[in-house]
Amino acid sequence: MLKLKKILFEASITGQQARTESMGGFKGFFKLSEMQAYKKWLKKTLRVELVEGYKDPGIFKAVFLAGGPGSGKTYIAKGLFGIPDRVNVSQTGMKMVNSDKELKYLLNKFGFGTDLDSLPDEVFANLTGDGPQSSGLRKFAKDLTAERRRLYQNGRLGMIVDGTGDDFQKISREKAELEKIGYQTYMIFVNTTLEVALQRNELRDRVLPQSIVSDSHKEVNRNIGAFQGLFGSSNFMIVDNNEQKTEDQAKKRFKMLVRQGLGKFVKSPITNKKALSWIRKQKILQGKR
């Protein structure tokens, strides 16, 4: 289990001991009496069972999702990969990596709710900021997600990396890191108009301020050409998600999109030398157990 980071421990004692308010976070943000229960939840959250190992059907495949808030990335991913509503694993064995899951849990756990747009500006800044006076909640959610992804990556499991795509350099680095150890990569870019994104944002569990949705939408769409050049036309798919569709229409559309290239990518045999070497060694290790 990960050790709790110093900033979280400091937040946990804020208001519980004298002269600790300046450490950041709300008074009593974490209660000391809840720490053991919190640690137990953390251990459960980050536990990854690598039962299949090299036999996992989605091994050495990574699909990046790009699209601003309200674009419907998670909905598209669930449809394309056949991920049930309450499960984080696709039919291909690929695991979803999304910091929203951790952030929603923490926001609800501590009574803030997920409608961030309705929070006072001071509270919103405290929850989502990275400065020394912030609670560190959003950063911790990202740290949890990064650890989850690290465990998946160490097991070479297939991943669906759900992000906004507003930081081209970050995705470029992550792609290179994965390919360095043998992964094949693909990108699905979910595209909507700003008007549609704003409308859907109001219907999300975690409602964001309109200014954030608008700024993110501009940054993400500015990167379309760069992403297509980075992944190549054969490993890059743009999905227009402006129209509302019935369940039957959506299923037909997902099947068509899978046939257009995603299915071939996921099912393609592993040919990378580093990946094949890792698999060979895993077989030897498992044979010795």
Protein backbone atom coordinates (compact mmCIF):
# COMPACT_ATOMS: atom_id res chain seq x y z
CA MET A 1 0.00 0.00 0.00
CA LEU A 2 1.20 3.50 -0.73
CA LYS A 3 2.29 5.61 2.18
CA LEU A 4 0.06 8.63 2.63
CA LYS A 5 1.80 11.67 1.29
CA LYS A 6 2.89 14.39 3.66
CA ILE A 7 0.42 16.90 2.28
CA LEU A 8 -2.47 14.52 2.99
CA PHE A 9 -1.32 13.85 6.51
CA GLU A 10 -0.99 17.57 7.12
CA ALA A 11 -4.49 18.05 5.76
CA SER A 12 -5.70 15.25 8.01
CA ILE A 13 -4.58 17.04 11.16
CA THR A 14 -5.73 20.49 10.07
CA GLY A 15 -8.00 21.73 12.83
CA GLN A 16 -7.25 18.69 15.00
CA GLN A 17 -4.16 20.22 16.57
CA ALA A 18 -3.31 23.77 17.57
CA ARG A 19 -1.87 26.14 14.96
CA THR A 20 -2.39 23.73 12.04
CA GLU A 21 -4.89 25.77 10.01
CA SER A 22 -2.09 27.36 7.96
CA MET A 23 -1.16 23.98 6.53
CA GLY A 24 -3.97 24.29 4.02
CA GLY A 25 -7.32 22.60 3.54
CA PHE A 26 -10.52 23.03 5.50
CA LYS A 27 -10.66 22.70 9.25
CA GLY A 28 -11.14 19.05 10.04
CA PHE A 29 -10.94 18.12 6.35
CA PHE A 30 -9.71 14.65 7.31
CA LYS A 31 -10.61 13.40 10.78
CA LEU A 32 -7.94 11.44 12.58
CA SER A 33 -10.57 8.93 13.67
CA GLU A 34 -11.21 8.11 10.01
CA MET A 35 -7.61 7.51 9.04
CA GLN A 36 -7.61 3.73 9.41
CA ALA A 37 -10.80 3.39 7.41
CA TYR A 38 -9.32 5.74 4.81
CA LYS A 39 -6.11 3.71 4.58
CA LYS A 40 -8.16 0.54 4.14
CA TRP A 41 -10.10 2.15 1.27
CA LEU A 42 -6.86 3.38 -0.30
CA LYS A 43 -5.34 -0.10 -0.23
CA LYS A 44 -8.46 -1.58 -1.82
CA THR A 45 -8.56 1.15 -4.48
CA LEU A 46 -4.99 0.60 -5.61
CA ARG A 47 -4.97 -3.20 -5.45
CA VAL A 48 -4.55 -4.79 -8.88
CA GLU A 49 -4.96 -8.50 -9.47
CA LEU A 50 -2.64 -9.63 -12.25
CA VAL A 51 -4.19 -13.07 -12.48
CA GLU A 52 -4.03 -13.45 -16.26
CA GLY A 53 -0.55 -11.99 -16.70
CA TYR A 54 0.75 -12.53 -20.21
CA LYS A 55 -2.54 -14.26 -21.12
CA ASP A 56 -4.56 -11.07 -20.66
CA PRO A 57 -6.39 -10.40 -23.96
CA GLY A 58 -5.63 -6.65 -24.00
CA ILE A 59 -1.97 -6.89 -23.09
CA PHE A 60 0.45 -4.27 -24.50
CA LYS A 61 -2.35 -2.12 -25.98
CA ALA A 62 -3.06 1.47 -24.90
CA VAL A 63 -5.86 3.64 -26.25
CA PHE A 64 -5.81 7.36 -25.43
CA LEU A 65 -9.10 9.28 -25.27
CA ALA A 66 -9.12 12.99 -26.05
CA GLY A 67 -11.99 15.47 -25.86
CA GLY A 68 -13.03 18.35 -23.64
CA PRO A 69 -15.44 18.22 -20.67
CA GLY A 70 -18.94 17.39 -21.85
CA SER A 71 -17.75 15.73 -25.07
CA GLY A 72 -18.95 12.31 -23.91
CA LYS A 73 -15.59 10.50 -23.90
CA THR A 74 -16.54 8.05 -21.17
CA TYR A 75 -19.85 7.24 -22.89
CA ILE A 76 -18.06 6.65 -26.20
CA ALA A 77 -15.41 4.48 -24.55
CA LYS A 78 -17.99 2.32 -22.80
CA GLY A 79 -19.82 1.81 -26.08
CA LEU A 80 -16.74 1.09 -28.19
CA PHE A 81 -15.14 -1.29 -25.70
CA GLY A 82 -18.30 -2.85 -24.24
CA ILE A 83 -17.71 -1.62 -20.67
CA PRO A 84 -20.74 -2.15 -18.38
CA ASP A 85 -21.89 0.86 -16.33
CA ARG A 86 -20.54 -0.40 -13.02
CA VAL A 87 -17.41 -2.15 -14.23
CA ASN A 88 -14.06 -0.60 -15.08
CA VAL A 89 -12.88 -3.38 -17.42
CA SER A 90 -13.74 -3.81 -21.09
CA GLN A 91 -14.66 -7.03 -22.85
CA THR A 92 -11.12 -7.03 -24.26
CA GLY A 93 -9.61 -6.93 -20.77
CA MET A 94 -8.46 -3.31 -21.14
CA LYS A 95 -8.66 -1.23 -17.95
CA MET A 96 -10.04 2.32 -17.80
CA VAL A 97 -7.74 4.94 -16.28
CA ASN A 98 -9.67 8.08 -15.32
CA SER A 99 -9.00 10.50 -12.44
CA ASP A 100 -12.70 11.49 -12.37
CA LYS A 101 -13.48 8.26 -10.55
CA GLU A 102 -11.17 9.03 -7.63
CA LEU A 103 -12.12 12.72 -7.54
CA LYS A 104 -15.85 11.99 -7.42
CA TYR A 105 -15.31 9.55 -4.58
CA LEU A 106 -13.32 12.06 -2.53
CA LEU A 107 -15.73 14.95 -3.20
CA ASN A 108 -18.69 12.86 -2.08
CA LYS A 109 -16.83 11.33 0.85
CA PHE A 110 -16.13 14.71 2.40
CA GLY A 111 -19.56 16.17 1.69
CA PHE A 112 -18.78 18.64 -1.09
CA GLY A 113 -20.79 16.92 -3.81
CA THR A 114 -19.78 16.86 -7.47
CA ASP A 115 -21.50 20.05 -8.67
CA LEU A 116 -18.33 22.13 -8.60
CA ASP A 117 -19.99 25.03 -10.41
CA SER A 118 -22.31 25.62 -7.46
CA LEU A 119 -19.47 25.90 -4.93
CA PRO A 120 -18.28 29.33 -3.73
CA ASP A 121 -15.16 30.51 -5.57
CA GLU A 122 -13.02 30.17 -2.45
CA VAL A 123 -14.12 26.57 -1.87
CA PHE A 124 -13.67 25.66 -5.53
CA ALA A 125 -10.14 27.11 -5.54
CA ASN A 126 -9.30 25.24 -2.32
CA LEU A 127 -10.48 21.90 -3.68
CA THR A 128 -8.96 22.13 -7.17
CA GLY A 129 -5.86 24.26 -6.63
CA ASP A 130 -2.26 23.08 -6.34
CA GLY A 131 -0.92 25.85 -4.11
CA PRO A 132 0.35 25.49 -0.52
CA GLN A 133 -2.95 26.77 0.92
CA SER A 134 -5.14 24.37 -1.07
CA SER A 135 -6.55 21.12 0.28
CA GLY A 136 -4.63 19.02 -2.27
CA LEU A 137 -7.77 16.99 -3.00
CA ARG A 138 -7.59 17.20 -6.79
CA LYS A 139 -3.86 16.50 -6.78
CA PHE A 140 -4.42 13.46 -4.58
CA ALA A 141 -7.07 12.14 -6.98
CA LYS A 142 -4.56 12.47 -9.80
CA ASP A 143 -1.89 10.75 -7.70
CA LEU A 144 -4.25 7.83 -7.06
CA THR A 145 -4.95 7.54 -10.78
CA ALA A 146 -1.24 7.71 -11.61
CA GLU A 147 -0.56 4.87 -9.15
CA ARG A 148 -3.38 2.80 -10.63
CA ARG A 149 -1.94 3.34 -14.08
CA ARG A 150 1.59 2.48 -12.87
CA LEU A 151 0.36 -0.86 -11.58
CA TYR A 152 -1.45 -1.61 -14.84
CA GLN A 153 1.64 -0.61 -16.80
CA ASN A 154 3.95 -2.77 -14.68
CA GLY A 155 1.72 -5.73 -15.54
CA ARG A 156 1.69 -4.63 -19.21
CA LEU A 157 -2.12 -4.71 -19.08
CA GLY A 158 -4.22 -3.04 -21.75
CA MET A 159 -5.30 0.48 -20.83
CA ILE A 160 -7.87 3.05 -21.94
CA VAL A 161 -6.40 6.37 -20.81
CA ASP A 162 -9.24 8.88 -20.43
CA GLY A 163 -8.00 12.49 -20.52
CA THR A 164 -8.96 15.84 -22.01
CA GLY A 165 -6.13 16.12 -24.53
CA ASP A 166 -5.49 19.80 -23.87
CA ASP A 167 -1.83 19.10 -23.09
CA PHE A 168 -0.22 17.73 -26.27
CA GLN A 169 3.26 17.43 -24.79
CA LYS A 170 2.01 15.35 -21.85
CA ILE A 171 0.27 12.81 -24.10
CA SER A 172 3.30 12.73 -26.39
CA ARG A 173 5.53 11.83 -23.41
CA GLU A 174 3.11 9.20 -22.11
CA LYS A 175 2.84 7.63 -25.55
CA ALA A 176 6.63 7.46 -25.90
CA GLU A 177 6.98 5.96 -22.41
CA LEU A 178 4.54 3.18 -23.19
CA GLU A 179 5.98 2.41 -26.62
CA LYS A 180 9.46 2.23 -25.10
CA ILE A 181 8.45 -0.88 -23.14
CA GLY A 182 6.56 -2.50 -26.02
CA TYR A 183 3.05 -1.03 -26.06
CA GLN A 184 1.09 -0.26 -29.21
CA THR A 185 -0.87 3.00 -28.99
CA TYR A 186 -4.05 4.40 -30.50
CA MET A 187 -6.10 7.58 -30.03
CA ILE A 188 -9.84 8.23 -30.14
CA PHE A 189 -10.63 11.93 -30.41
CA VAL A 190 -14.22 12.72 -29.38
CA ASN A 191 -15.34 15.92 -31.07
CA THR A 192 -18.32 18.17 -30.24
CA THR A 193 -19.25 21.80 -30.68
CA LEU A 194 -18.76 24.10 -27.70
CA GLU A 195 -22.53 24.57 -27.44
CA VAL A 196 -23.12 20.83 -27.09
CA ALA A 197 -20.24 20.49 -24.60
CA LEU A 198 -21.72 23.24 -22.40
CA GLN A 199 -25.17 21.64 -22.51
CA ARG A 200 -23.83 18.22 -21.54
CA ASN A 201 -21.64 19.69 -18.83
CA GLU A 202 -24.79 20.79 -17.00
CA LEU A 203 -26.00 17.17 -17.03
CA ARG A 204 -22.78 15.62 -15.74
CA ASP A 205 -22.30 14.31 -12.21
CA ARG A 206 -19.34 16.68 -11.86
CA VAL A 207 -20.48 20.03 -13.26
CA LEU A 208 -17.63 22.41 -14.12
CA PRO A 209 -17.70 26.21 -14.45
CA GLN A 210 -18.49 27.28 -18.03
CA SER A 211 -15.18 29.14 -18.35
CA ILE A 212 -13.23 25.91 -17.74
CA VAL A 213 -15.31 23.98 -20.28
CA SER A 214 -14.87 26.73 -22.87
CA ASP A 215 -11.10 27.11 -22.38
CA SER A 216 -10.53 23.35 -22.40
CA HIS A 217 -12.63 22.94 -25.55
CA LYS A 218 -10.46 25.48 -27.41
CA GLU A 219 -7.19 23.90 -26.30
CA VAL A 220 -8.28 20.36 -27.14
CA ASN A 221 -9.54 21.20 -30.62
CA ARG A 222 -6.36 23.12 -31.33
CA ASN A 223 -4.47 19.82 -30.96
CA ILE A 224 -6.45 17.69 -33.44
CA GLY A 225 -3.91 17.99 -36.26
CA ALA A 226 -0.96 17.45 -33.94
CA PHE A 227 -2.50 14.29 -32.47
CA GLN A 228 -3.26 12.90 -35.92
CA GLY A 229 0.37 13.45 -36.90
CA LEU A 230 1.61 11.89 -33.65
CA PHE A 231 -0.44 8.68 -33.83
CA GLY A 232 -0.69 8.37 -37.62
CA SER A 233 -3.88 8.02 -39.65
CA SER A 234 -4.15 4.26 -39.08
CA ASN A 235 -4.08 4.63 -35.28
CA PHE A 236 -6.20 7.77 -34.94
CA MET A 237 -10.00 8.01 -34.99
CA ILE A 238 -12.22 11.10 -34.76
CA VAL A 239 -15.69 10.43 -33.36
CA ASP A 240 -18.31 13.14 -33.88
CA ASN A 241 -20.52 13.05 -30.80
CA ASN A 242 -22.81 16.02 -31.39
CA GLU A 243 -26.05 14.18 -32.06
CA GLN A 244 -28.14 12.47 -29.40
CA LYS A 245 -28.86 8.90 -30.45
CA THR A 246 -31.16 6.17 -29.23
CA GLU A 247 -29.62 3.10 -27.62
CA ASP A 248 -30.11 0.99 -30.78
CA GLN A 249 -28.64 3.71 -32.99
CA ALA A 250 -25.66 4.05 -30.65
CA LYS A 251 -24.98 0.29 -30.70
CA LYS A 252 -25.02 0.19 -34.51
CA ARG A 253 -22.72 3.18 -34.65
CA PHE A 254 -20.25 1.65 -32.19
CA LYS A 255 -20.10 -1.58 -34.19
CA MET A 256 -19.37 0.43 -37.33
CA LEU A 257 -16.61 2.41 -35.62
CA VAL A 258 -15.00 -0.75 -34.25
CA ARG A 259 -14.95 -2.25 -37.75
CA GLN A 260 -13.28 0.91 -39.08
CA GLY A 261 -10.03 0.16 -37.30
CA LEU A 262 -10.25 0.03 -33.51
CA GLY A 263 -11.17 -3.66 -33.45
CA LYS A 264 -8.26 -4.50 -35.72
CA PHE A 265 -5.89 -2.59 -33.44
CA VAL A 266 -7.07 -4.30 -30.26
CA LYS A 267 -6.97 -7.78 -31.80
CA SER A 268 -3.71 -7.36 -33.71
CA PRO A 269 -0.94 -9.79 -32.70
CA ILE A 270 2.00 -8.56 -30.64
CA THR A 271 5.11 -8.15 -32.78
CA ASN A 272 7.24 -5.69 -30.77
CA LYS A 273 10.52 -7.34 -29.75
CA LYS A 274 10.51 -5.87 -26.25
CA ALA A 275 6.94 -7.02 -25.68
CA LEU A 276 7.68 -10.52 -26.97
CA SER A 277 10.77 -10.72 -24.74
CA TRP A 278 8.71 -9.70 -21.69
CA ILE A 279 6.08 -12.35 -22.47
CA ARG A 280 8.74 -15.04 -22.94
CA LYS A 281 10.28 -14.23 -19.56
CA GLN A 282 6.88 -14.21 -17.87
CA LYS A 283 6.18 -17.68 -19.21
CA ILE A 284 9.49 -18.90 -17.81
CA LEU A 285 8.81 -17.32 -14.43
CA GLN A 286 5.31 -18.77 -14.20
CA GLY A 287 6.60 -22.17 -15.25
CA LYS A 288 8.98 -22.17 -12.27
CA ARG A 289 6.24 -21.51 -9.69
